[in-house]
Amino acid sequence: MVIGIYHVDAQQKNLKPAKLFVELPSFCPTPDAFDIAPDGSLVLSCPNFADRTLPGILVKIDKDKKITKLLEIPGVIKDRNSNPMGIAYAPDGSLFVCNNQGKNQGQVLCITFDGKGNHTIEIVAEGMGQPNGIRYHDGAVYVTQPAMPKIRTENHVSGLYRFKTSDRNIFIKNDKSDSNLIYITETINPDRKVGLDGLVFNKAGELFVGDFGDGELIKLILDEEGKVTKEELFANVPKVTGIDGINTDSNDNIYVAGFCQNQILKVDLKGNVTLIADYDDNDGANGQIDQPADIIVYMNNIIISNFDLMSGEGIINSKHSKPYTLSYIKIY
């Protein structure tokens, strides 16, 4: 069941206004994914696709909204900057990062910190086509790959990988021979050939993945070994939405970043979908949602990263511009 999905003015009754959370410094022109660090601060990946001269970095935003560089992610080769996207902390404080370098040079990295300002980076997996979203669950990380062109069908194919947190230096072939590939799906929409992107676990350990092009939120049931035993369509949103990052609140409601339409959507436990924020093209200067890429529930707010880069048919955003921002919507 889908309710409230239509493009409306952001001030209309029942829609929640977005406000400016922080303005980001010049070294983060393309904010992407979030997670919460063990010390309670917010960590954000900046793949910086908008300025190829800049390295991909992770930044830390403390509870007073002070922004600092956490670290720079090294590129696969010396003359090419990294593009960190999805990030996920494990309970032991190690941080897993999708370095989306493209051209089958993508990596999943594990970063450990010694508490003295030093860190170590190890490769969990390499050779990936497009590692994008990542979540930790029960000793493993789950990684979406929105396109898998080596698996040929009449439709667009994407997949979901699982790696144990102890895995190192696994080479990925991006086809069905990969033992870490646990799920594939086909995106039928010919106008938006992008597949699995955002993902999140609920309290029961059920995994939800978003199909960007088809506007589907799919629920996956896993066995004790992390293999998919059942899948079901949990909710539909319009194909024009562009499901990007997804996250849950304390009641297991799911919030969706509508990348293409500058929207935030809420999906309740029964799969009912409600539009809660909706913006026309803008520069984000006053906290407006400006091409939302990821979303996280933090200190009773939804925090939203404004990617503000892609444009074209079916996309509200028209250009990349300053300021570089994160928005927030109060939900409690």
Protein backbone atom coordinates (compact mmCIF):
# COMPACT_ATOMS: atom_id res chain seq x y z
CA MET A 1 0.00 0.00 0.00
CA VAL A 2 1.39 3.42 -0.94
CA ILE A 3 -0.03 6.65 0.44
CA GLY A 4 0.92 10.30 0.14
CA ILE A 5 3.31 9.96 -2.77
CA TYR A 6 2.98 13.03 -4.92
CA HIS A 7 5.15 16.08 -5.54
CA VAL A 8 3.94 18.94 -3.34
CA ASP A 9 5.15 22.18 -1.85
CA ALA A 10 7.39 21.63 1.19
CA GLN A 11 5.22 23.88 3.34
CA GLN A 12 2.03 21.88 2.83
CA LYS A 13 0.40 20.53 5.99
CA ASN A 14 1.71 17.17 7.27
CA LEU A 15 5.11 17.61 5.62
CA LYS A 16 8.06 18.17 7.94
CA PRO A 17 10.44 21.06 7.24
CA ALA A 18 14.11 20.28 6.83
CA LYS A 19 16.60 22.56 8.54
CA LEU A 20 20.34 23.09 8.25
CA PHE A 21 22.30 20.67 10.45
CA VAL A 22 25.80 21.78 9.39
CA GLU A 23 27.50 23.47 6.48
CA LEU A 24 30.44 21.34 5.41
CA PRO A 25 33.94 22.65 4.66
CA SER A 26 35.42 22.85 1.18
CA PHE A 27 37.15 19.48 1.56
CA CYS A 28 33.74 17.73 1.52
CA PRO A 29 31.86 18.88 -1.60
CA THR A 30 30.07 15.53 -2.04
CA PRO A 31 28.77 14.14 1.27
CA ASP A 32 27.47 10.59 1.16
CA ALA A 33 27.07 7.98 3.92
CA PHE A 34 26.79 8.00 7.73
CA ASP A 35 27.39 5.90 10.78
CA ILE A 36 27.70 6.62 14.48
CA ALA A 37 31.14 6.17 16.04
CA PRO A 38 31.71 4.44 19.38
CA ASP A 39 32.14 7.85 21.08
CA GLY A 40 28.71 8.96 19.86
CA SER A 41 29.94 11.32 17.16
CA LEU A 42 28.67 11.19 13.60
CA VAL A 43 31.02 9.96 10.87
CA LEU A 44 30.42 10.91 7.24
CA SER A 45 32.03 9.68 4.04
CA CYS A 46 32.97 12.20 1.35
CA PRO A 47 33.71 10.48 -1.98
CA ASN A 48 34.17 13.92 -3.54
CA PHE A 49 33.04 13.04 -7.04
CA ALA A 50 32.30 16.75 -7.53
CA ASP A 51 35.99 17.66 -7.35
CA ARG A 52 38.32 15.00 -8.67
CA THR A 53 41.35 16.89 -7.37
CA LEU A 54 40.28 16.16 -3.80
CA PRO A 55 40.97 12.87 -2.02
CA GLY A 56 38.10 10.84 -0.62
CA ILE A 57 37.90 11.36 3.11
CA LEU A 58 35.95 10.55 6.25
CA VAL A 59 34.93 13.40 8.52
CA LYS A 60 33.81 13.41 12.13
CA ILE A 61 31.05 15.63 13.49
CA ASP A 62 30.87 15.76 17.28
CA LYS A 63 27.80 16.48 19.37
CA ASP A 64 28.65 20.20 19.30
CA LYS A 65 28.71 20.01 15.48
CA LYS A 66 32.46 20.56 15.28
CA ILE A 67 33.75 19.07 12.02
CA THR A 68 37.19 17.48 11.71
CA LYS A 69 38.90 15.24 9.19
CA LEU A 70 38.99 11.71 10.54
CA LEU A 71 41.22 10.30 7.82
CA GLU A 72 41.95 10.22 4.12
CA ILE A 73 41.20 6.96 2.30
CA PRO A 74 44.04 5.97 -0.05
CA GLY A 75 43.29 5.33 -3.72
CA VAL A 76 43.84 1.92 -5.27
CA ILE A 77 46.60 3.45 -7.39
CA LYS A 78 48.75 6.46 -6.50
CA ASP A 79 47.47 8.87 -9.15
CA ARG A 80 43.80 8.18 -8.51
CA ASN A 81 41.86 9.47 -5.51
CA SER A 82 39.61 7.20 -3.50
CA ASN A 83 35.81 7.39 -3.36
CA PRO A 84 34.59 6.18 0.05
CA MET A 85 30.84 5.64 0.12
CA GLY A 86 29.02 3.28 2.50
CA ILE A 87 30.50 2.98 6.01
CA ALA A 88 29.65 0.72 8.96
CA TYR A 89 31.08 0.33 12.44
CA ALA A 90 31.40 -3.09 14.04
CA PRO A 91 30.88 -3.47 17.82
CA ASP A 92 34.65 -3.63 18.41
CA GLY A 93 35.08 -0.13 16.96
CA SER A 94 36.53 -1.15 13.62
CA LEU A 95 35.12 0.73 10.65
CA PHE A 96 34.25 -0.90 7.32
CA VAL A 97 34.28 1.28 4.22
CA CYS A 98 33.18 0.82 0.62
CA ASN A 99 35.83 2.41 -1.58
CA ASN A 100 33.90 2.74 -4.85
CA GLN A 101 36.76 3.20 -7.34
CA GLY A 102 34.83 1.76 -10.30
CA LYS A 103 36.36 -0.23 -13.18
CA ASN A 104 36.39 -3.38 -11.03
CA GLN A 105 38.83 -1.73 -8.63
CA GLY A 106 36.39 -1.24 -5.77
CA GLN A 107 37.30 -2.34 -2.28
CA VAL A 108 35.80 -3.10 1.09
CA LEU A 109 38.24 -1.84 3.72
CA CYS A 110 38.57 -2.46 7.44
CA ILE A 111 40.00 0.42 9.48
CA THR A 112 41.09 -0.10 13.08
CA PHE A 113 42.02 2.65 15.53
CA ASP A 114 44.45 2.41 18.44
CA GLY A 115 42.96 5.25 20.51
CA LYS A 116 46.13 7.35 20.10
CA GLY A 117 45.29 8.90 16.77
CA ASN A 118 46.73 6.09 14.68
CA HIS A 119 44.87 3.77 12.35
CA THR A 120 45.48 0.70 10.22
CA ILE A 121 43.74 -0.03 6.91
CA GLU A 122 43.30 -3.60 5.70
CA ILE A 123 41.60 -4.88 2.54
CA VAL A 124 38.61 -7.14 3.13
CA ALA A 125 37.69 -7.49 -0.54
CA GLU A 126 38.99 -6.04 -3.80
CA GLY A 127 38.17 -6.10 -7.49
CA MET A 128 34.56 -5.09 -6.89
CA GLY A 129 32.63 -3.25 -9.60
CA GLN A 130 30.64 -0.78 -7.49
CA PRO A 131 30.59 -1.41 -3.73
CA ASN A 132 28.05 1.05 -2.40
CA GLY A 133 25.99 0.47 0.77
CA ILE A 134 27.25 -1.51 3.76
CA ARG A 135 25.83 -2.72 7.08
CA TYR A 136 27.24 -4.77 9.95
CA HIS A 137 25.26 -7.67 11.38
CA ASP A 138 26.27 -10.62 13.55
CA GLY A 139 29.96 -10.84 12.71
CA ALA A 140 29.69 -9.91 9.05
CA VAL A 141 29.26 -6.94 6.73
CA TYR A 142 26.71 -6.88 3.91
CA VAL A 143 27.53 -4.86 0.81
CA THR A 144 25.31 -3.79 -2.09
CA GLN A 145 26.55 -3.57 -5.65
CA PRO A 146 24.05 -1.62 -7.82
CA ALA A 147 25.28 -3.05 -11.12
CA MET A 148 26.69 -6.44 -12.07
CA PRO A 149 27.02 -6.36 -15.87
CA LYS A 150 28.90 -9.66 -16.04
CA ILE A 151 25.66 -11.43 -15.11
CA ARG A 152 23.74 -11.10 -18.34
CA THR A 153 19.96 -11.12 -18.54
CA GLU A 154 17.48 -8.99 -20.47
CA ASN A 155 17.25 -6.72 -17.40
CA HIS A 156 19.70 -4.85 -15.17
CA VAL A 157 21.29 -7.07 -12.47
CA SER A 158 22.58 -6.03 -9.05
CA GLY A 159 23.73 -7.99 -6.03
CA LEU A 160 24.40 -8.29 -2.32
CA TYR A 161 27.68 -9.58 -0.86
CA ARG A 162 28.48 -10.85 2.61
CA PHE A 163 31.95 -10.82 4.17
CA LYS A 164 32.97 -11.98 7.63
CA THR A 165 34.65 -9.20 9.56
CA SER A 166 37.76 -11.41 9.72
CA ASP A 167 37.94 -11.85 5.93
CA ARG A 168 40.95 -10.30 4.21
CA ASN A 169 42.14 -9.90 0.61
CA ILE A 170 39.23 -11.66 -1.07
CA PHE A 171 39.28 -11.08 -4.81
CA ILE A 172 35.85 -10.53 -6.32
CA LYS A 173 35.04 -11.50 -9.91
CA ASN A 174 31.63 -9.78 -9.96
CA ASP A 175 29.81 -12.81 -11.28
CA LYS A 176 27.96 -15.84 -9.96
CA SER A 177 31.20 -17.65 -9.16
CA ASP A 178 31.78 -15.35 -6.16
CA SER A 179 31.09 -17.38 -3.02
CA ASN A 180 30.43 -14.18 -1.07
CA LEU A 181 27.57 -13.19 -3.40
CA ILE A 182 24.41 -14.15 -1.49
CA TYR A 183 21.65 -12.46 -3.46
CA ILE A 184 20.98 -11.02 -6.92
CA THR A 185 17.95 -9.28 -8.31
CA GLU A 186 16.86 -7.74 -11.61
CA THR A 187 15.74 -4.13 -12.05
CA ILE A 188 13.08 -3.93 -14.75
CA ASN A 189 12.76 -0.16 -15.11
CA PRO A 190 14.49 0.72 -18.41
CA ASP A 191 14.66 4.41 -17.50
CA ARG A 192 16.74 3.99 -14.33
CA LYS A 193 19.20 1.11 -14.59
CA VAL A 194 20.42 1.17 -11.01
CA GLY A 195 19.72 -1.73 -8.68
CA LEU A 196 20.40 -2.46 -5.01
CA ASP A 197 21.71 0.54 -3.10
CA GLY A 198 20.63 1.29 0.49
CA LEU A 199 20.20 -1.42 3.13
CA VAL A 200 19.38 -1.73 6.82
CA PHE A 201 18.69 -4.38 9.45
CA ASN A 202 15.76 -4.15 11.84
CA LYS A 203 15.83 -5.31 15.46
CA ALA A 204 14.75 -8.82 14.47
CA GLY A 205 17.74 -9.21 12.13
CA GLU A 206 15.64 -8.94 8.97
CA LEU A 207 17.50 -7.21 6.17
CA PHE A 208 15.84 -4.59 3.98
CA VAL A 209 17.40 -3.57 0.66
CA GLY A 210 16.25 -0.86 -1.71
CA ASP A 211 16.07 -1.28 -5.48
CA PHE A 212 16.87 2.22 -6.73
CA GLY A 213 15.40 1.87 -10.22
CA ASP A 214 12.25 -0.12 -9.49
CA GLY A 215 11.31 1.70 -6.28
CA GLU A 216 11.11 -1.52 -4.28
CA LEU A 217 11.93 -2.15 -0.65
CA ILE A 218 12.73 -5.86 -0.38
CA LYS A 219 12.83 -7.82 2.89
CA LEU A 220 15.37 -10.64 3.11
CA ILE A 221 15.36 -13.36 5.76
CA LEU A 222 18.78 -14.82 6.58
CA ASP A 223 19.78 -18.10 8.15
CA GLU A 224 22.44 -18.50 10.86
CA GLU A 225 25.18 -18.49 8.22
CA GLY A 226 23.93 -15.25 6.69
CA LYS A 227 22.47 -16.85 3.59
CA VAL A 228 19.20 -15.59 2.14
CA THR A 229 16.41 -18.09 2.79
CA LYS A 230 13.42 -15.95 1.87
CA GLU A 231 12.67 -12.71 0.07
CA GLU A 232 9.50 -10.69 -0.15
CA LEU A 233 8.42 -7.31 -1.49
CA PHE A 234 7.85 -5.18 1.60
CA ALA A 235 6.89 -1.83 0.05
CA ASN A 236 6.74 0.04 -3.23
CA VAL A 237 7.48 3.69 -3.87
CA PRO A 238 7.20 5.38 -7.27
CA LYS A 239 9.98 4.43 -9.66
CA VAL A 240 10.89 8.11 -10.03
CA THR A 241 11.88 8.30 -6.33
CA GLY A 242 15.33 6.73 -6.59
CA ILE A 243 15.66 4.80 -3.30
CA ASP A 244 19.12 5.59 -1.97
CA GLY A 245 20.11 5.39 1.70
CA ILE A 246 17.67 3.82 4.17
CA ASN A 247 17.67 3.63 7.95
CA THR A 248 15.42 2.79 10.90
CA ASP A 249 14.28 4.54 14.05
CA SER A 250 13.88 2.96 17.50
CA ASN A 251 10.45 1.62 16.50
CA ASP A 252 11.74 -0.03 13.31
CA ASN A 253 10.07 2.48 11.01
CA ILE A 254 12.19 2.81 7.87
CA TYR A 255 13.20 6.18 6.44
CA VAL A 256 14.14 6.44 2.77
CA ALA A 257 16.25 9.03 0.96
CA GLY A 258 14.51 9.79 -2.33
CA PHE A 259 17.59 10.74 -4.33
CA CYS A 260 15.94 11.72 -7.61
CA GLN A 261 12.99 13.70 -6.25
CA ASN A 262 14.48 15.50 -3.21
CA GLN A 263 12.17 13.54 -0.91
CA ILE A 264 12.23 11.75 2.41
CA LEU A 265 9.76 8.90 2.89
CA LYS A 266 8.67 6.90 5.91
CA VAL A 267 7.71 3.22 5.71
CA ASP A 268 5.90 1.82 8.74
CA LEU A 269 5.97 -1.76 10.02
CA LYS A 270 3.11 -2.75 7.72
CA GLY A 271 4.79 -1.40 4.60
CA ASN A 272 2.65 1.75 4.35
CA VAL A 273 4.59 4.60 2.77
CA THR A 274 4.19 8.26 3.69
CA LEU A 275 5.92 11.25 2.15
CA ILE A 276 7.34 13.41 4.96
CA ALA A 277 9.53 15.92 3.08
CA ASP A 278 9.57 17.14 -0.51
CA TYR A 279 11.66 19.90 -2.12
CA ASP A 280 12.06 21.46 -5.52
CA ASP A 281 15.49 22.22 -6.98
CA ASN A 282 17.51 24.38 -4.55
CA ASP A 283 21.00 25.13 -3.27
CA GLY A 284 20.44 23.79 0.26
CA ALA A 285 21.54 27.05 1.89
CA ASN A 286 18.65 27.09 4.36
CA GLY A 287 18.72 23.38 5.07
CA GLN A 288 16.51 22.33 2.17
CA ILE A 289 16.93 18.76 0.99
CA ASP A 290 19.22 18.87 -2.03
CA GLN A 291 19.56 15.40 -3.59
CA PRO A 292 19.56 13.20 -0.46
CA ALA A 293 22.00 10.31 -0.61
CA ASP A 294 21.94 8.87 2.89
CA ILE A 295 19.95 9.17 6.07
CA ILE A 296 20.52 8.32 9.71
CA VAL A 297 18.53 8.72 12.92
CA TYR A 298 20.75 10.67 15.32
CA MET A 299 19.81 12.48 18.55
CA ASN A 300 16.07 12.33 17.79
CA ASN A 301 16.54 13.73 14.29
CA ILE A 302 16.84 12.36 10.79
CA ILE A 303 20.18 13.60 9.44
CA ILE A 304 20.39 13.78 5.65
CA SER A 305 23.42 14.08 3.38
CA ASN A 306 22.87 16.34 0.38
CA PHE A 307 24.83 14.82 -2.51
CA ASP A 308 23.86 17.65 -4.88
CA LEU A 309 25.72 16.36 -7.94
CA MET A 310 23.73 14.26 -10.38
CA SER A 311 21.36 15.86 -12.89
CA GLY A 312 19.44 14.78 -15.96
CA GLU A 313 16.09 13.37 -16.96
CA GLY A 314 13.94 12.40 -14.01
CA ILE A 315 16.20 14.13 -11.47
CA ILE A 316 15.08 17.30 -9.68
CA ASN A 317 18.61 18.53 -8.99
CA SER A 318 19.97 20.69 -11.81
CA LYS A 319 23.60 21.31 -10.81
CA HIS A 320 26.24 21.03 -8.14
CA SER A 321 26.81 24.16 -6.08
CA LYS A 322 27.86 25.56 -2.74
CA PRO A 323 27.05 25.41 0.11
CA TYR A 324 27.82 21.75 0.92
CA THR A 325 25.34 20.73 3.57
CA LEU A 326 23.70 18.21 5.84
CA SER A 327 20.02 18.72 6.70
CA TYR A 328 17.92 17.45 9.56
CA ILE A 329 14.25 16.73 10.26
CA LYS A 330 12.99 16.35 13.83
CA ILE A 331 10.99 13.13 14.26
CA TYR A 332 10.44 12.98 18.03
